[in-house]
Protein backbone atom coordinates (compact mmCIF):
# COMPACT_ATOMS: atom_id res chain seq x y z
CA MET A 1 0.00 0.00 0.00
CA THR A 2 1.30 3.41 -0.96
CA ASP A 3 0.40 6.45 1.07
CA ALA A 4 -0.45 9.58 -0.92
CA PRO A 5 1.67 12.70 -0.49
CA GLN A 6 0.19 15.53 1.58
CA ASP A 7 -1.08 17.19 -1.60
CA PRO A 8 -1.49 14.64 -4.37
CA THR A 9 -1.60 17.40 -6.99
CA THR A 10 2.06 18.22 -6.30
CA ALA A 11 3.34 15.28 -8.36
CA ILE A 12 1.00 16.17 -11.22
CA ARG A 13 2.04 19.82 -11.17
CA THR A 14 5.70 18.79 -11.12
CA ALA A 15 5.20 16.62 -14.21
CA ILE A 16 3.38 19.46 -16.00
CA GLN A 17 6.17 21.86 -15.10
CA GLN A 18 8.74 19.42 -16.49
CA LEU A 19 6.86 19.45 -19.79
CA ALA A 20 6.55 23.24 -19.70
CA ASP A 21 10.32 23.48 -19.13
CA ILE A 22 11.16 21.67 -22.38
CA THR A 23 13.36 24.13 -24.23
CA ASP A 24 12.32 23.42 -27.80
CA PRO A 25 8.84 24.91 -28.34
CA THR A 26 7.84 22.30 -30.92
CA THR A 27 8.82 19.43 -28.64
CA ARG A 28 7.14 21.21 -25.71
CA ALA A 29 3.90 21.78 -27.66
CA LEU A 30 3.84 18.15 -28.83
CA ALA A 31 4.44 16.84 -25.30
CA LEU A 32 1.76 19.05 -23.80
CA GLY A 33 -0.62 18.14 -26.62
CA THR A 34 -0.08 14.47 -25.89
CA LEU A 35 -0.96 15.12 -22.25
CA LEU A 36 -4.08 17.07 -23.21
CA ASP A 37 -5.17 14.30 -25.59
CA ALA A 38 -4.83 11.75 -22.78
CA TRP A 39 -6.51 13.97 -20.16
CA PRO A 40 -10.06 12.53 -20.47
CA ASP A 41 -8.76 8.97 -20.02
CA LEU A 42 -6.53 10.04 -17.13
CA HIS A 43 -9.49 11.74 -15.48
CA SER A 44 -11.52 8.55 -15.85
CA GLU A 45 -8.70 6.49 -14.32
CA VAL A 46 -8.53 8.80 -11.29
CA ARG A 47 -12.32 8.71 -10.90
CA GLN A 48 -12.31 4.89 -11.11
CA ALA A 49 -9.51 4.61 -8.53
CA ARG A 50 -11.48 6.88 -6.17
CA GLN A 51 -14.63 4.81 -6.67
CA GLU A 52 -12.67 1.65 -5.85
CA ALA A 53 -11.27 3.28 -2.69
CA VAL A 54 -14.74 4.34 -1.58
CA ALA A 55 -16.07 0.84 -2.31
CA GLU A 56 -13.28 -0.55 -0.14
CA MET A 57 -14.24 1.89 2.63
CA ARG A 58 -17.86 0.68 2.31
CA GLU A 59 -16.79 -2.78 3.39
CA THR A 60 -16.38 -1.47 6.93
CA MET A 61 -18.17 1.90 7.01
CA THR A 62 -21.61 3.32 6.42
CA VAL A 63 -22.10 5.70 3.52
CA THR A 64 -22.71 8.48 6.03
CA ALA A 65 -19.40 7.72 7.76
CA ILE A 66 -17.64 7.67 4.39
CA GLY A 67 -19.09 11.09 3.59
CA GLU A 68 -17.89 12.42 6.93
CA ALA A 69 -14.42 10.93 6.44
CA LEU A 70 -14.13 12.49 2.97
CA GLY A 71 -15.65 15.83 3.91
CA ILE A 72 -18.62 15.35 1.58
CA GLY A 73 -22.28 14.67 2.14
CA GLN A 74 -23.82 11.22 2.27
CA PRO A 75 -25.57 11.75 -1.07
CA ARG A 76 -22.27 12.53 -2.82
CA ALA A 77 -20.56 9.53 -1.18
CA SER A 78 -23.39 7.36 -2.47
CA GLN A 79 -22.99 8.83 -5.97
CA ILE A 80 -19.27 8.08 -5.97
CA LEU A 81 -20.01 4.49 -4.96
CA ARG A 82 -22.39 4.19 -7.90
CA GLY A 83 -19.99 5.89 -10.32
CA VAL A 84 -22.13 8.98 -10.80
CA THR A 85 -20.11 12.01 -11.89
CA LYS A 86 -20.75 15.57 -10.82
CA ASN A 87 -22.15 17.80 -13.52
CA LYS A 88 -20.27 21.06 -13.95
CA LYS A 89 -22.27 24.02 -15.09
């Protein structure tokens, strides 16, 4: 089991910065484009991993307790368990 860093976005931001630091603008644009093309799939992978973690929590916790542990409401915890995504407006 691997524990997440304090802020899990730090590793992502570091990787993005490494791409942004590529000296050649063509190489940099291609690398960043590749990342952007993969972004929807990466987002889905992160969502799936979170759903699996919440399902694992559900083995020993109520949905209400999961919501409390994650700082979200019970309805949202239930949605995550079912794989429902939030709609952004």
